[in-house]
């Protein structure tokens, strides 16, 4: 996930991609990521509230031409609440971006594709 984000940023900066042959990546207007722990003692943010704050910012600006990278969506909270929150965020993103790469440890989220054929 980080490699995709980095390669996309390199492309936007006009750098050559460190790959064989002629790699092709789509052009993204924005590269938006929530990767890692966003907690902050200074701002009184827990891991969960740090993720929610970052997700809020991502959802505000994401467009169909954006690349969205989300690592362990819904983490830092009760698993059943994390699944429900993650599912609603993914449904929201589905209608707004062409490419989102999302990791999860929630088995229920991996079955989301079976519920929705799009």
PDB file of N, CA and C in Angstrom:
ATOM      1  N   UNK A   1       0.829  -1.178   0.000  1.00  0.00           N
ATOM      2  CA  UNK A   1       0.000   0.000   0.000  1.00  0.00           C
ATOM      3  C   UNK A   1       0.881   1.252   0.000  1.00  0.00           C
ATOM      4  N   UNK A   2       1.879   1.248   0.844  1.00  0.00           N
ATOM      5  CA  UNK A   2       2.790   2.399   0.882  1.00  0.00           C
ATOM      6  C   UNK A   2       3.540   2.541  -0.438  1.00  0.00           C
ATOM      7  N   UNK A   3       3.898   1.419  -1.041  1.00  0.00           N
ATOM      8  CA  UNK A   3       4.622   1.451  -2.304  1.00  0.00           C
ATOM      9  C   UNK A   3       3.760   2.062  -3.405  1.00  0.00           C
ATOM     10  N   UNK A   4       2.480   1.718  -3.445  1.00  0.00           N
ATOM     11  CA  UNK A   4       1.569   2.303  -4.430  1.00  0.00           C
ATOM     12  C   UNK A   4       1.453   3.808  -4.220  1.00  0.00           C
ATOM     13  N   UNK A   5       1.311   4.227  -2.980  1.00  0.00           N
ATOM     14  CA  UNK A   5       1.234   5.655  -2.683  1.00  0.00           C
ATOM     15  C   UNK A   5       2.510   6.382  -3.070  1.00  0.00           C
ATOM     16  N   UNK A   6       3.645   5.797  -2.730  1.00  0.00           N
ATOM     17  CA  UNK A   6       4.930   6.419  -3.054  1.00  0.00           C
ATOM     18  C   UNK A   6       5.144   6.493  -4.566  1.00  0.00           C
ATOM     19  N   UNK A   7       4.840   5.413  -5.281  1.00  0.00           N
ATOM     20  CA  UNK A   7       5.004   5.417  -6.731  1.00  0.00           C
ATOM     21  C   UNK A   7       4.084   6.459  -7.375  1.00  0.00           C
ATOM     22  N   UNK A   8       2.880   6.598  -6.860  1.00  0.00           N
ATOM     23  CA  UNK A   8       1.943   7.602  -7.389  1.00  0.00           C
ATOM     24  C   UNK A   8       2.449   9.016  -7.132  1.00  0.00           C
ATOM     25  N   UNK A   9       3.043   9.242  -5.971  1.00  0.00           N
ATOM     26  CA  UNK A   9       3.618  10.554  -5.664  1.00  0.00           C
ATOM     27  C   UNK A   9       4.831  10.835  -6.548  1.00  0.00           C
ATOM     28  N   UNK A  10       5.646   9.814  -6.784  1.00  0.00           N
ATOM     29  CA  UNK A  10       6.806   9.977  -7.653  1.00  0.00           C
ATOM     30  C   UNK A  10       6.362  10.357  -9.064  1.00  0.00           C
ATOM     31  N   UNK A  11       5.315   9.714  -9.559  1.00  0.00           N
ATOM     32  CA  UNK A  11       4.791  10.017 -10.879  1.00  0.00           C
ATOM     33  C   UNK A  11       4.315  11.467 -10.954  1.00  0.00           C
ATOM     34  N   UNK A  12       3.601  11.914  -9.929  1.00  0.00           N
ATOM     35  CA  UNK A  12       3.119  13.302  -9.897  1.00  0.00           C
ATOM     36  C   UNK A  12       4.279  14.300  -9.886  1.00  0.00           C
ATOM     37  N   UNK A  13       5.396  13.902  -9.270  1.00  0.00           N
ATOM     38  CA  UNK A  13       6.569  14.776  -9.189  1.00  0.00           C
ATOM     39  C   UNK A  13       7.432  14.711 -10.450  1.00  0.00           C
ATOM     40  N   UNK A  14       7.043  13.852 -11.407  1.00  0.00           N
ATOM     41  CA  UNK A  14       7.800  13.747 -12.656  1.00  0.00           C
ATOM     42  C   UNK A  14       9.022  12.859 -12.537  1.00  0.00           C
ATOM     43  N   UNK A  15       9.072  12.042 -11.524  1.00  0.00           N
ATOM     44  CA  UNK A  15      10.219  11.155 -11.333  1.00  0.00           C
ATOM     45  C   UNK A  15      10.005   9.840 -12.085  1.00  0.00           C
ATOM     46  N   UNK A  16      11.099   9.211 -12.435  1.00  0.00           N
ATOM     47  CA  UNK A  16      11.026   7.891 -13.027  1.00  0.00           C
ATOM     48  C   UNK A  16      10.682   6.890 -11.943  1.00  0.00           C
ATOM     49  N   UNK A  17       9.875   5.892 -12.317  1.00  0.00           N
ATOM     50  CA  UNK A  17       9.504   4.860 -11.358  1.00  0.00           C
ATOM     51  C   UNK A  17      10.561   3.760 -11.362  1.00  0.00           C
ATOM     52  N   UNK A  18      10.951   3.293 -10.189  1.00  0.00           N
ATOM     53  CA  UNK A  18      11.982   2.256 -10.101  1.00  0.00           C
ATOM     54  C   UNK A  18      11.389   0.878 -10.411  1.00  0.00           C
ATOM     55  N   UNK A  19      11.148   0.641 -11.695  1.00  0.00           N
ATOM     56  CA  UNK A  19      10.544  -0.621 -12.116  1.00  0.00           C
ATOM     57  C   UNK A  19      11.057  -0.993 -13.495  1.00  0.00           C
ATOM     58  N   UNK A  20      10.973  -2.262 -13.805  1.00  0.00           N
ATOM     59  CA  UNK A  20      11.402  -2.731 -15.118  1.00  0.00           C
ATOM     60  C   UNK A  20      10.360  -2.379 -16.166  1.00  0.00           C
ATOM     61  N   UNK A  21      10.789  -2.429 -17.415  1.00  0.00           N
ATOM     62  CA  UNK A  21       9.930  -2.147 -18.559  1.00  0.00           C
ATOM     63  C   UNK A  21       9.374  -0.731 -18.472  1.00  0.00           C
ATOM     64  N   UNK A  22       8.137  -0.563 -18.798  1.00  0.00           N
ATOM     65  CA  UNK A  22       7.514   0.764 -18.763  1.00  0.00           C
ATOM     66  C   UNK A  22       6.286   0.706 -17.859  1.00  0.00           C
ATOM     67  N   UNK A  23       6.452   0.958 -16.576  1.00  0.00           N
ATOM     68  CA  UNK A  23       5.304   0.864 -15.664  1.00  0.00           C
ATOM     69  C   UNK A  23       4.262   1.929 -15.999  1.00  0.00           C
ATOM     70  N   UNK A  24       3.010   1.577 -15.800  1.00  0.00           N
ATOM     71  CA  UNK A  24       1.917   2.513 -16.063  1.00  0.00           C
ATOM     72  C   UNK A  24       1.054   2.631 -14.818  1.00  0.00           C
ATOM     73  N   UNK A  25       0.811   3.849 -14.432  1.00  0.00           N
ATOM     74  CA  UNK A  25      -0.089   4.142 -13.326  1.00  0.00           C
ATOM     75  C   UNK A  25      -1.075   5.204 -13.785  1.00  0.00           C
ATOM     76  N   UNK A  26      -2.288   5.155 -13.287  1.00  0.00           N
ATOM     77  CA  UNK A  26      -3.214   6.244 -13.626  1.00  0.00           C
ATOM     78  C   UNK A  26      -2.775   7.544 -12.951  1.00  0.00           C
ATOM     79  N   UNK A  27      -3.260   8.644 -13.464  1.00  0.00           N
ATOM     80  CA  UNK A  27      -2.989   9.948 -12.865  1.00  0.00           C
ATOM     81  C   UNK A  27      -4.047  10.212 -11.812  1.00  0.00           C
ATOM     82  N   UNK A  28      -3.625  10.541 -10.598  1.00  0.00           N
ATOM     83  CA  UNK A  28      -4.550  10.841  -9.505  1.00  0.00           C
ATOM     84  C   UNK A  28      -4.460  12.320  -9.174  1.00  0.00           C
ATOM     85  N   UNK A  29      -5.619  12.962  -9.005  1.00  0.00           N
ATOM     86  CA  UNK A  29      -5.586  14.368  -8.617  1.00  0.00           C
ATOM     87  C   UNK A  29      -5.098  14.510  -7.173  1.00  0.00           C
ATOM     88  N   UNK A  30      -5.499  13.570  -6.326  1.00  0.00           N
ATOM     89  CA  UNK A  30      -5.065  13.566  -4.926  1.00  0.00           C
ATOM     90  C   UNK A  30      -4.700  12.151  -4.514  1.00  0.00           C
ATOM     91  N   UNK A  31      -3.720  12.046  -3.648  1.00  0.00           N
ATOM     92  CA  UNK A  31      -3.361  10.765  -3.049  1.00  0.00           C
ATOM     93  C   UNK A  31      -3.609  10.930  -1.560  1.00  0.00           C
ATOM     94  N   UNK A  32      -4.641  10.252  -1.075  1.00  0.00           N
ATOM     95  CA  UNK A  32      -5.111  10.418   0.299  1.00  0.00           C
ATOM     96  C   UNK A  32      -4.878   9.128   1.073  1.00  0.00           C
ATOM     97  N   UNK A  33      -4.270   9.238   2.245  1.00  0.00           N
ATOM     98  CA  UNK A  33      -3.923   8.026   2.982  1.00  0.00           C
ATOM     99  C   UNK A  33      -4.169   8.170   4.467  1.00  0.00           C
ATOM    100  N   UNK A  34      -4.645   7.081   5.049  1.00  0.00           N
ATOM    101  CA  UNK A  34      -4.697   6.924   6.500  1.00  0.00           C
ATOM    102  C   UNK A  34      -3.951   5.634   6.796  1.00  0.00           C
ATOM    103  N   UNK A  35      -2.660   5.775   7.003  1.00  0.00           N
ATOM    104  CA  UNK A  35      -1.788   4.632   7.246  1.00  0.00           C
ATOM    105  C   UNK A  35      -1.032   4.908   8.528  1.00  0.00           C
ATOM    106  N   UNK A  36      -1.103   3.984   9.462  1.00  0.00           N
ATOM    107  CA  UNK A  36      -0.385   4.155  10.719  1.00  0.00           C
ATOM    108  C   UNK A  36      -1.278   4.721  11.806  1.00  0.00           C
ATOM    109  N   UNK A  37      -0.676   4.997  12.935  1.00  0.00           N
ATOM    110  CA  UNK A  37      -1.393   5.436  14.128  1.00  0.00           C
ATOM    111  C   UNK A  37      -1.391   6.956  14.204  1.00  0.00           C
ATOM    112  N   UNK A  38      -2.571   7.552  14.270  1.00  0.00           N
ATOM    113  CA  UNK A  38      -2.707   9.007  14.285  1.00  0.00           C
ATOM    114  C   UNK A  38      -2.915   9.567  15.693  1.00  0.00           C
ATOM    115  N   UNK A  39      -2.693   8.751  16.722  1.00  0.00           N
ATOM    116  CA  UNK A  39      -2.963   9.258  18.057  1.00  0.00           C
ATOM    117  C   UNK A  39      -2.021  10.396  18.429  1.00  0.00           C
ATOM    118  N   UNK A  40      -2.509  11.285  19.287  1.00  0.00           N
ATOM    119  CA  UNK A  40      -1.723  12.439  19.691  1.00  0.00           C
ATOM    120  C   UNK A  40      -2.055  12.800  21.128  1.00  0.00           C
ATOM    121  N   UNK A  41      -1.057  12.764  21.975  1.00  0.00           N
ATOM    122  CA  UNK A  41      -1.266  13.171  23.359  1.00  0.00           C
ATOM    123  C   UNK A  41      -1.495  14.671  23.450  1.00  0.00           C
ATOM    124  N   UNK A  42      -0.829  15.425  22.584  1.00  0.00           N
ATOM    125  CA  UNK A  42      -0.970  16.879  22.591  1.00  0.00           C
ATOM    126  C   UNK A  42      -2.387  17.317  22.243  1.00  0.00           C
ATOM    127  N   UNK A  43      -3.031  16.595  21.310  1.00  0.00           N
ATOM    128  CA  UNK A  43      -4.377  16.955  20.865  1.00  0.00           C
ATOM    129  C   UNK A  43      -5.455  16.107  21.534  1.00  0.00           C
ATOM    130  N   UNK A  44      -5.063  15.279  22.492  1.00  0.00           N
ATOM    131  CA  UNK A  44      -5.980  14.367  23.190  1.00  0.00           C
ATOM    132  C   UNK A  44      -6.710  13.445  22.217  1.00  0.00           C
ATOM    133  N   UNK A  45      -5.988  12.911  21.248  1.00  0.00           N
ATOM    134  CA  UNK A  45      -6.573  11.998  20.280  1.00  0.00           C
ATOM    135  C   UNK A  45      -6.138  10.573  20.589  1.00  0.00           C
ATOM    136  N   UNK A  46      -7.110   9.677  20.737  1.00  0.00           N
ATOM    137  CA  UNK A  46      -6.803   8.259  20.856  1.00  0.00           C
ATOM    138  C   UNK A  46      -6.525   7.719  19.461  1.00  0.00           C
ATOM    139  N   UNK A  47      -6.137   6.458  19.383  1.00  0.00           N
ATOM    140  CA  UNK A  47      -5.922   5.836  18.080  1.00  0.00           C
ATOM    141  C   UNK A  47      -7.190   5.936  17.241  1.00  0.00           C
ATOM    142  N   UNK A  48      -8.325   5.591  17.833  1.00  0.00           N
ATOM    143  CA  UNK A  48      -9.593   5.617  17.100  1.00  0.00           C
ATOM    144  C   UNK A  48      -9.967   7.031  16.664  1.00  0.00           C
ATOM    145  N   UNK A  49      -9.894   7.989  17.569  1.00  0.00           N
ATOM    146  CA  UNK A  49     -10.283   9.351  17.198  1.00  0.00           C
ATOM    147  C   UNK A  49      -9.304   9.954  16.192  1.00  0.00           C
ATOM    148  N   UNK A  50      -8.042   9.540  16.241  1.00  0.00           N
ATOM    149  CA  UNK A  50      -7.083   9.975  15.232  1.00  0.00           C
ATOM    150  C   UNK A  50      -7.460   9.469  13.852  1.00  0.00           C
ATOM    151  N   UNK A  51      -7.865   8.179  13.780  1.00  0.00           N
ATOM    152  CA  UNK A  51      -8.297   7.615  12.503  1.00  0.00           C
ATOM    153  C   UNK A  51      -9.562   8.309  12.000  1.00  0.00           C
ATOM    154  N   UNK A  52     -10.509   8.536  12.878  1.00  0.00           N
ATOM    155  CA  UNK A  52     -11.770   9.171  12.477  1.00  0.00           C
ATOM    156  C   UNK A  52     -11.515  10.590  11.977  1.00  0.00           C
ATOM    157  N   UNK A  53     -10.652  11.306  12.652  1.00  0.00           N
ATOM    158  CA  UNK A  53     -10.325  12.665  12.233  1.00  0.00           C
ATOM    159  C   UNK A  53      -9.708  12.666  10.834  1.00  0.00           C
ATOM    160  N   UNK A  54      -8.797  11.746  10.598  1.00  0.00           N
ATOM    161  CA  UNK A  54      -8.139  11.650   9.290  1.00  0.00           C
ATOM    162  C   UNK A  54      -9.136  11.215   8.205  1.00  0.00           C
ATOM    163  N   UNK A  55      -9.990  10.245   8.529  1.00  0.00           N
ATOM    164  CA  UNK A  55     -11.002   9.788   7.577  1.00  0.00           C
ATOM    165  C   UNK A  55     -11.957  10.914   7.207  1.00  0.00           C
ATOM    166  N   UNK A  56     -12.345  11.708   8.183  1.00  0.00           N
ATOM    167  CA  UNK A  56     -13.228  12.847   7.922  1.00  0.00           C
ATOM    168  C   UNK A  56     -12.580  13.778   6.889  1.00  0.00           C
ATOM    169  N   UNK A  57     -11.314  14.067   7.087  1.00  0.00           N
ATOM    170  CA  UNK A  57     -10.601  14.946   6.151  1.00  0.00           C
ATOM    171  C   UNK A  57     -10.511  14.329   4.755  1.00  0.00           C
ATOM    172  N   UNK A  58     -10.278  13.028   4.689  1.00  0.00           N
ATOM    173  CA  UNK A  58     -10.182  12.334   3.405  1.00  0.00           C
ATOM    174  C   UNK A  58     -11.521  12.368   2.677  1.00  0.00           C
ATOM    175  N   UNK A  59     -12.594  12.063   3.405  1.00  0.00           N
ATOM    176  CA  UNK A  59     -13.916  12.010   2.784  1.00  0.00           C
ATOM    177  C   UNK A  59     -14.378  13.374   2.282  1.00  0.00           C
ATOM    178  N   UNK A  60     -13.909  14.440   2.901  1.00  0.00           N
ATOM    179  CA  UNK A  60     -14.272  15.796   2.467  1.00  0.00           C
ATOM    180  C   UNK A  60     -13.730  16.123   1.078  1.00  0.00           C
ATOM    181  N   UNK A  61     -12.527  15.649   0.770  1.00  0.00           N
ATOM    182  CA  UNK A  61     -11.852  16.087  -0.451  1.00  0.00           C
ATOM    183  C   UNK A  61     -11.730  15.028  -1.542  1.00  0.00           C
ATOM    184  N   UNK A  62     -12.048  13.780  -1.246  1.00  0.00           N
ATOM    185  CA  UNK A  62     -11.888  12.700  -2.233  1.00  0.00           C
ATOM    186  C   UNK A  62     -12.793  12.930  -3.437  1.00  0.00           C
ATOM    187  N   UNK A  63     -12.231  12.676  -4.617  1.00  0.00           N
ATOM    188  CA  UNK A  63     -12.993  12.791  -5.860  1.00  0.00           C
ATOM    189  C   UNK A  63     -12.841  11.494  -6.648  1.00  0.00           C
ATOM    190  N   UNK A  64     -13.518  11.424  -7.785  1.00  0.00           N
ATOM    191  CA  UNK A  64     -13.416  10.211  -8.600  1.00  0.00           C
ATOM    192  C   UNK A  64     -11.996   9.976  -9.104  1.00  0.00           C
ATOM    193  N   UNK A  65     -11.200  11.013  -9.167  1.00  0.00           N
ATOM    194  CA  UNK A  65      -9.829  10.895  -9.665  1.00  0.00           C
ATOM    195  C   UNK A  65      -8.796  10.716  -8.544  1.00  0.00           C
ATOM    196  N   UNK A  66      -9.251  10.518  -7.313  1.00  0.00           N
ATOM    197  CA  UNK A  66      -8.336  10.386  -6.171  1.00  0.00           C
ATOM    198  C   UNK A  66      -7.969   8.926  -5.921  1.00  0.00           C
ATOM    199  N   UNK A  67      -6.794   8.730  -5.360  1.00  0.00           N
ATOM    200  CA  UNK A  67      -6.377   7.431  -4.851  1.00  0.00           C
ATOM    201  C   UNK A  67      -6.536   7.494  -3.334  1.00  0.00           C
ATOM    202  N   UNK A  68      -7.296   6.566  -2.773  1.00  0.00           N
ATOM    203  CA  UNK A  68      -7.516   6.532  -1.328  1.00  0.00           C
ATOM    204  C   UNK A  68      -6.894   5.253  -0.781  1.00  0.00           C
ATOM    205  N   UNK A  69      -6.003   5.407   0.195  1.00  0.00           N
ATOM    206  CA  UNK A  69      -5.320   4.284   0.839  1.00  0.00           C
ATOM    207  C   UNK A  69      -5.700   4.270   2.314  1.00  0.00           C
ATOM    208  N   UNK A  70      -6.355   3.197   2.755  1.00  0.00           N
ATOM    209  CA  UNK A  70      -6.793   3.096   4.147  1.00  0.00           C
ATOM    210  C   UNK A  70      -6.271   1.795   4.749  1.00  0.00           C
ATOM    211  N   UNK A  71      -5.475   1.920   5.784  1.00  0.00           N
ATOM    212  CA  UNK A  71      -4.891   0.758   6.455  1.00  0.00           C
ATOM    213  C   UNK A  71      -5.663   0.466   7.735  1.00  0.00           C
ATOM    214  N   UNK A  72      -6.176  -0.752   7.837  1.00  0.00           N
ATOM    215  CA  UNK A  72      -6.925  -1.201   9.016  1.00  0.00           C
ATOM    216  C   UNK A  72      -8.061  -0.241   9.367  1.00  0.00           C
ATOM    217  N   UNK A  73      -8.943  -0.045   8.412  1.00  0.00           N
ATOM    218  CA  UNK A  73     -10.089   0.836   8.602  1.00  0.00           C
ATOM    219  C   UNK A  73     -10.938   0.355   9.781  1.00  0.00           C
ATOM    220  N   UNK A  74     -11.350   1.267  10.615  1.00  0.00           N
ATOM    221  CA  UNK A  74     -12.197   0.939  11.765  1.00  0.00           C
ATOM    222  C   UNK A  74     -11.459   0.385  12.961  1.00  0.00           C
ATOM    223  N   UNK A  75     -10.146   0.409  12.935  1.00  0.00           N
ATOM    224  CA  UNK A  75      -9.400  -0.153  14.063  1.00  0.00           C
ATOM    225  C   UNK A  75      -9.430   0.797  15.253  1.00  0.00           C
ATOM    226  N   UNK A  76      -9.164   0.265  16.413  1.00  0.00           N
ATOM    227  CA  UNK A  76      -9.100   1.083  17.622  1.00  0.00           C
ATOM    228  C   UNK A  76     -10.431   1.221  18.332  1.00  0.00           C
ATOM    229  N   UNK A  77     -11.433   0.437  17.919  1.00  0.00           N
ATOM    230  CA  UNK A  77     -12.733   0.480  18.581  1.00  0.00           C
ATOM    231  C   UNK A  77     -13.286  -0.931  18.688  1.00  0.00           C
ATOM    232  N   UNK A  78     -14.453  -1.052  19.278  1.00  0.00           N
ATOM    233  CA  UNK A  78     -15.133  -2.337  19.416  1.00  0.00           C
ATOM    234  C   UNK A  78     -15.301  -2.962  18.022  1.00  0.00           C
ATOM    235  N   UNK A  79     -14.979  -4.254  17.863  1.00  0.00           N
ATOM    236  CA  UNK A  79     -15.035  -4.871  16.535  1.00  0.00           C
ATOM    237  C   UNK A  79     -16.382  -4.739  15.829  1.00  0.00           C
ATOM    238  N   UNK A  80     -17.496  -4.940  16.527  1.00  0.00           N
ATOM    239  CA  UNK A  80     -18.792  -4.843  15.847  1.00  0.00           C
ATOM    240  C   UNK A  80     -19.066  -3.408  15.404  1.00  0.00           C
ATOM    241  N   UNK A  81     -18.672  -2.436  16.196  1.00  0.00           N
ATOM    242  CA  UNK A  81     -18.833  -1.036  15.804  1.00  0.00           C
ATOM    243  C   UNK A  81     -17.861  -0.676  14.682  1.00  0.00           C
ATOM    244  N   UNK A  82     -16.656  -1.243  14.743  1.00  0.00           N
ATOM    245  CA  UNK A  82     -15.663  -0.991  13.702  1.00  0.00           C
ATOM    246  C   UNK A  82     -16.114  -1.510  12.353  1.00  0.00           C
ATOM    247  N   UNK A  83     -16.753  -2.690  12.336  1.00  0.00           N
ATOM    248  CA  UNK A  83     -17.260  -3.259  11.085  1.00  0.00           C
ATOM    249  C   UNK A  83     -18.366  -2.381  10.516  1.00  0.00           C
ATOM    250  N   UNK A  84     -19.308  -1.973  11.358  1.00  0.00           N
ATOM    251  CA  UNK A  84     -20.431  -1.141  10.890  1.00  0.00           C
ATOM    252  C   UNK A  84     -19.928   0.197  10.346  1.00  0.00           C
ATOM    253  N   UNK A  85     -19.020   0.825  11.071  1.00  0.00           N
ATOM    254  CA  UNK A  85     -18.460   2.100  10.633  1.00  0.00           C
ATOM    255  C   UNK A  85     -17.681   1.930   9.326  1.00  0.00           C
ATOM    256  N   UNK A  86     -16.859   0.901   9.271  1.00  0.00           N
ATOM    257  CA  UNK A  86     -16.051   0.648   8.074  1.00  0.00           C
ATOM    258  C   UNK A  86     -16.929   0.377   6.860  1.00  0.00           C
ATOM    259  N   UNK A  87     -17.973  -0.407   7.052  1.00  0.00           N
ATOM    260  CA  UNK A  87     -18.860  -0.717   5.934  1.00  0.00           C
ATOM    261  C   UNK A  87     -19.521   0.550   5.392  1.00  0.00           C
ATOM    262  N   UNK A  88     -19.959   1.426   6.277  1.00  0.00           N
ATOM    263  CA  UNK A  88     -20.610   2.655   5.796  1.00  0.00           C
ATOM    264  C   UNK A  88     -19.605   3.571   5.093  1.00  0.00           C
ATOM    265  N   UNK A  89     -18.376   3.623   5.583  1.00  0.00           N
ATOM    266  CA  UNK A  89     -17.346   4.436   4.924  1.00  0.00           C
ATOM    267  C   UNK A  89     -17.025   3.875   3.544  1.00  0.00           C
ATOM    268  N   UNK A  90     -16.920   2.563   3.445  1.00  0.00           N
ATOM    269  CA  UNK A  90     -16.628   1.946   2.148  1.00  0.00           C
ATOM    270  C   UNK A  90     -17.780   2.138   1.164  1.00  0.00           C
ATOM    271  N   UNK A  91     -19.015   2.057   1.644  1.00  0.00           N
ATOM    272  CA  UNK A  91     -20.168   2.313   0.771  1.00  0.00           C
ATOM    273  C   UNK A  91     -20.144   3.757   0.274  1.00  0.00           C
ATOM    274  N   UNK A  92     -19.788   4.672   1.145  1.00  0.00           N
ATOM    275  CA  UNK A  92     -19.690   6.083   0.767  1.00  0.00           C
ATOM    276  C   UNK A  92     -18.599   6.276  -0.293  1.00  0.00           C
ATOM    277  N   UNK A  93     -17.445   5.665  -0.069  1.00  0.00           N
ATOM    278  CA  UNK A  93     -16.329   5.796  -1.013  1.00  0.00           C
ATOM    279  C   UNK A  93     -16.635   5.152  -2.365  1.00  0.00           C
ATOM    280  N   UNK A  94     -17.381   4.073  -2.343  1.00  0.00           N
ATOM    281  CA  UNK A  94     -17.686   3.326  -3.575  1.00  0.00           C
ATOM    282  C   UNK A  94     -18.317   4.229  -4.635  1.00  0.00           C
ATOM    283  N   UNK A  95     -19.129   5.159  -4.213  1.00  0.00           N
ATOM    284  CA  UNK A  95     -19.815   6.051  -5.144  1.00  0.00           C
ATOM    285  C   UNK A  95     -19.011   7.304  -5.478  1.00  0.00           C
ATOM    286  N   UNK A  96     -17.849   7.486  -4.848  1.00  0.00           N
ATOM    287  CA  UNK A  96     -17.130   8.746  -5.012  1.00  0.00           C
ATOM    288  C   UNK A  96     -15.714   8.624  -5.565  1.00  0.00           C
ATOM    289  N   UNK A  97     -15.096   7.464  -5.444  1.00  0.00           N
ATOM    290  CA  UNK A  97     -13.732   7.309  -5.961  1.00  0.00           C
ATOM    291  C   UNK A  97     -13.655   6.080  -6.862  1.00  0.00           C
ATOM    292  N   UNK A  98     -12.734   6.131  -7.814  1.00  0.00           N
ATOM    293  CA  UNK A  98     -12.541   4.990  -8.706  1.00  0.00           C
ATOM    294  C   UNK A  98     -11.609   3.943  -8.115  1.00  0.00           C
ATOM    295  N   UNK A  99     -10.672   4.383  -7.253  1.00  0.00           N
ATOM    296  CA  UNK A  99      -9.727   3.426  -6.688  1.00  0.00           C
ATOM    297  C   UNK A  99      -9.467   3.719  -5.220  1.00  0.00           C
ATOM    298  N   UNK A 100      -9.794   2.733  -4.395  1.00  0.00           N
ATOM    299  CA  UNK A 100      -9.456   2.773  -2.972  1.00  0.00           C
ATOM    300  C   UNK A 100      -8.823   1.428  -2.634  1.00  0.00           C
ATOM    301  N   UNK A 101      -7.713   1.479  -1.931  1.00  0.00           N
ATOM    302  CA  UNK A 101      -7.053   0.264  -1.465  1.00  0.00           C
ATOM    303  C   UNK A 101      -7.205   0.262   0.043  1.00  0.00           C
ATOM    304  N   UNK A 102      -7.849  -0.794   0.554  1.00  0.00           N
ATOM    305  CA  UNK A 102      -8.208  -0.842   1.977  1.00  0.00           C
ATOM    306  C   UNK A 102      -7.780  -2.179   2.553  1.00  0.00           C
ATOM    307  N   UNK A 103      -7.110  -2.133   3.708  1.00  0.00           N
ATOM    308  CA  UNK A 103      -6.794  -3.373   4.423  1.00  0.00           C
ATOM    309  C   UNK A 103      -7.707  -3.476   5.633  1.00  0.00           C
ATOM    310  N   UNK A 104      -7.952  -4.710   6.053  1.00  0.00           N
ATOM    311  CA  UNK A 104      -8.788  -4.921   7.229  1.00  0.00           C
ATOM    312  C   UNK A 104      -8.465  -6.263   7.864  1.00  0.00           C
ATOM    313  N   UNK A 105      -8.749  -6.358   9.140  1.00  0.00           N
ATOM    314  CA  UNK A 105      -8.660  -7.643   9.822  1.00  0.00           C
ATOM    315  C   UNK A 105     -10.062  -8.144  10.172  1.00  0.00           C
ATOM    316  N   UNK A 106     -11.079  -7.403   9.750  1.00  0.00           N
ATOM    317  CA  UNK A 106     -12.466  -7.801   9.993  1.00  0.00           C
ATOM    318  C   UNK A 106     -12.932  -8.749   8.892  1.00  0.00           C
ATOM    319  N   UNK A 107     -13.219  -9.992   9.263  1.00  0.00           N
ATOM    320  CA  UNK A 107     -13.692 -10.975   8.288  1.00  0.00           C
ATOM    321  C   UNK A 107     -15.010 -10.538   7.665  1.00  0.00           C
ATOM    322  N   UNK A 108     -15.869  -9.870   8.430  1.00  0.00           N
ATOM    323  CA  UNK A 108     -17.162  -9.424   7.899  1.00  0.00           C
ATOM    324  C   UNK A 108     -16.989  -8.441   6.745  1.00  0.00           C
ATOM    325  N   UNK A 109     -15.965  -7.619   6.792  1.00  0.00           N
ATOM    326  CA  UNK A 109     -15.743  -6.664   5.698  1.00  0.00           C
ATOM    327  C   UNK A 109     -15.278  -7.355   4.430  1.00  0.00           C
ATOM    328  N   UNK A 110     -14.561  -8.443   4.571  1.00  0.00           N
ATOM    329  CA  UNK A 110     -14.090  -9.151   3.376  1.00  0.00           C
ATOM    330  C   UNK A 110     -15.261  -9.751   2.611  1.00  0.00           C
ATOM    331  N   UNK A 111     -16.394  -9.947   3.281  1.00  0.00           N
ATOM    332  CA  UNK A 111     -17.581 -10.491   2.623  1.00  0.00           C
ATOM    333  C   UNK A 111     -18.461  -9.389   2.026  1.00  0.00           C
ATOM    334  N   UNK A 112     -18.066  -8.143   2.168  1.00  0.00           N
ATOM    335  CA  UNK A 112     -18.847  -7.024   1.652  1.00  0.00           C
ATOM    336  C   UNK A 112     -19.013  -7.109   0.140  1.00  0.00           C
ATOM    337  N   UNK A 113     -17.997  -7.589  -0.533  1.00  0.00           N
ATOM    338  CA  UNK A 113     -18.078  -7.710  -1.999  1.00  0.00           C
ATOM    339  C   UNK A 113     -19.166  -8.682  -2.428  1.00  0.00           C
ATOM    340  N   UNK A 114     -19.491  -9.667  -1.575  1.00  0.00           N
ATOM    341  CA  UNK A 114     -20.536 -10.613  -1.912  1.00  0.00           C
ATOM    342  C   UNK A 114     -21.924  -9.972  -1.799  1.00  0.00           C
ATOM    343  N   UNK A 115     -22.058  -8.981  -0.925  1.00  0.00           N
ATOM    344  CA  UNK A 115     -23.340  -8.287  -0.756  1.00  0.00           C
ATOM    345  C   UNK A 115     -23.599  -7.335  -1.906  1.00  0.00           C
ATOM    346  N   UNK A 116     -22.531  -6.740  -2.435  1.00  0.00           N
ATOM    347  CA  UNK A 116     -22.652  -5.697  -3.442  1.00  0.00           C
ATOM    348  C   UNK A 116     -21.837  -6.095  -4.662  1.00  0.00           C
ATOM    349  N   UNK A 117     -22.484  -6.290  -5.772  1.00  0.00           N
ATOM    350  CA  UNK A 117     -21.793  -6.784  -6.964  1.00  0.00           C
ATOM    351  C   UNK A 117     -21.003  -5.707  -7.689  1.00  0.00           C
ATOM    352  N   UNK A 118     -21.170  -4.441  -7.317  1.00  0.00           N
ATOM    353  CA  UNK A 118     -20.467  -3.356  -8.020  1.00  0.00           C
ATOM    354  C   UNK A 118     -19.130  -3.107  -7.397  1.00  0.00           C
TER     355      UNK A 118
END
